[in-house]
Amino acid sequence: MPKVKFIGGPTEVEVVAQPGLTLLEIAEENGARMGSACGGVCACSSCHAWILEGGDSLDESTDAEEDRLDMAFDVRPSSRLGCQVRVKETDLVVQLTEESLQTFLNEHPEHREG
């Protein structure tokens, strides 16, 4: 089973993930602060993340994902949407973007510091 490490925000989360789940599903089940304003249906870019390691093992992004990434901030070659990335058997390191972290805090104000 692959390990997925989410970095960014005040905590780092590393979990053993079930292949076939999306990064967003894994984040939500394990306390990683990935935003999901649309509920994970590829209608926004709030789950935007950078795949720092293991990205070559993932399926190519779809046209729908690319269209949504056009709405995101600080898009890089490693940019993906957490709701569209299905984990395979390879370990991944995922950097949560500031956009995603801020959306998470807007959705979950109880996690705001201070």
Protein backbone atom coordinates (compact mmCIF):
# COMPACT_ATOMS: atom_id res chain seq x y z
CA MET A 1 0.00 0.00 0.00
CA PRO A 2 1.36 3.43 -0.91
CA LYS A 3 2.18 6.18 1.54
CA VAL A 4 0.88 9.67 0.92
CA LYS A 5 2.52 12.58 2.70
CA PHE A 6 0.68 15.91 2.78
CA ILE A 7 2.88 18.89 3.62
CA GLY A 8 1.83 22.48 4.14
CA GLY A 9 -0.03 24.26 6.88
CA PRO A 10 0.75 23.78 10.55
CA THR A 11 0.97 19.98 10.40
CA GLU A 12 2.37 17.30 8.15
CA VAL A 13 0.19 14.24 7.57
CA GLU A 14 1.59 10.93 6.32
CA VAL A 15 -0.72 7.97 5.85
CA VAL A 16 -0.89 4.57 4.24
CA ALA A 17 -3.47 5.00 1.50
CA GLN A 18 -5.83 2.65 -0.24
CA PRO A 19 -5.14 2.64 -3.99
CA GLY A 20 -8.06 3.96 -6.02
CA LEU A 21 -9.02 6.71 -3.58
CA THR A 22 -8.54 10.33 -4.56
CA LEU A 23 -6.09 12.60 -2.77
CA LEU A 24 -9.06 14.63 -1.54
CA GLU A 25 -10.73 11.55 -0.03
CA ILE A 26 -7.48 10.58 1.68
CA ALA A 27 -6.93 14.13 2.97
CA GLU A 28 -10.46 14.37 4.38
CA GLU A 29 -10.24 10.97 6.08
CA ASN A 30 -6.88 11.75 7.69
CA GLY A 31 -6.98 15.39 8.74
CA ALA A 32 -4.89 16.95 5.98
CA ARG A 33 -6.05 20.51 5.31
CA MET A 34 -7.04 20.24 1.65
CA GLY A 35 -9.89 22.54 0.62
CA SER A 36 -12.98 21.24 -1.14
CA ALA A 37 -15.37 24.10 -1.85
CA CYS A 38 -17.27 22.16 -4.52
CA GLY A 39 -17.31 18.89 -2.60
CA GLY A 40 -14.86 17.17 -4.93
CA VAL A 41 -16.75 17.27 -8.22
CA CYS A 42 -14.13 19.17 -10.28
CA ALA A 43 -16.15 22.40 -10.28
CA CYS A 44 -13.51 24.62 -8.62
CA SER A 45 -9.79 24.67 -7.92
CA SER A 46 -9.82 24.68 -4.12
CA CYS A 47 -8.13 21.26 -3.82
CA HIS A 48 -5.18 22.45 -5.93
CA ALA A 49 -1.91 20.84 -4.83
CA TRP A 50 1.60 20.28 -6.15
CA ILE A 51 2.78 16.68 -6.50
CA LEU A 52 6.39 16.85 -5.35
CA GLU A 53 7.20 13.13 -5.56
CA GLY A 54 5.54 10.23 -7.36
CA GLY A 55 3.70 12.31 -9.96
CA ASP A 56 4.99 10.19 -12.85
CA SER A 57 2.93 7.26 -11.56
CA LEU A 58 -0.38 9.12 -11.86
CA ASP A 59 -2.81 9.15 -14.76
CA GLU A 60 -2.63 12.20 -17.01
CA SER A 61 -4.92 15.05 -16.08
CA THR A 62 -8.18 15.23 -18.01
CA ASP A 63 -9.43 18.20 -20.02
CA ALA A 64 -11.91 18.96 -17.22
CA GLU A 65 -9.11 19.06 -14.65
CA GLU A 66 -6.98 21.28 -16.88
CA ASP A 67 -9.94 23.65 -17.33
CA ARG A 68 -10.33 23.95 -13.55
CA LEU A 69 -6.60 24.43 -13.04
CA ASP A 70 -6.92 27.48 -15.29
CA MET A 71 -8.87 29.02 -12.36
CA ALA A 72 -6.17 28.22 -9.78
CA PHE A 73 -3.41 30.42 -8.39
CA ASP A 74 0.31 29.65 -8.81
CA VAL A 75 -0.18 26.77 -11.24
CA ARG A 76 3.02 24.80 -11.85
CA PRO A 77 3.89 21.76 -13.98
CA SER A 78 3.30 19.58 -10.89
CA SER A 79 -0.17 21.08 -10.22
CA ARG A 80 -3.10 18.71 -9.85
CA LEU A 81 -6.56 18.77 -8.30
CA GLY A 82 -6.90 16.49 -5.29
CA CYS A 83 -10.40 15.44 -6.32
CA GLN A 84 -9.11 14.13 -9.67
CA VAL A 85 -5.93 12.30 -8.65
CA ARG A 86 -6.48 8.63 -7.88
CA VAL A 87 -3.66 7.06 -5.91
CA LYS A 88 -1.97 4.03 -7.39
CA GLU A 89 0.76 1.87 -5.80
CA THR A 90 3.47 4.56 -5.69
CA ASP A 91 4.26 6.74 -2.67
CA LEU A 92 3.36 10.42 -3.11
CA VAL A 93 4.46 13.67 -1.53
CA VAL A 94 1.79 16.36 -1.90
CA GLN A 95 2.33 20.05 -1.13
CA LEU A 96 -0.93 21.77 -0.23
CA THR A 97 -1.18 25.18 -1.88
CA GLU A 98 -1.98 28.36 0.01
CA GLU A 99 -5.24 28.48 -1.97
CA SER A 100 -6.25 25.04 -0.72
CA LEU A 101 -5.21 25.73 2.87
CA GLN A 102 -7.17 28.99 2.93
CA THR A 103 -10.26 27.30 1.52
CA PHE A 104 -9.99 24.60 4.18
CA LEU A 105 -9.86 27.25 6.93
CA ASN A 106 -12.85 29.07 5.41
CA GLU A 107 -14.77 25.77 5.46
CA HIS A 108 -13.53 24.86 8.97
CA PRO A 109 -13.06 28.07 10.98
CA GLU A 110 -12.64 26.04 14.17
CA HIS A 111 -9.14 25.15 12.92
CA ARG A 112 -8.00 28.77 12.68
CA GLU A 113 -5.18 29.72 15.01
CA GLY A 114 -5.46 32.69 17.34
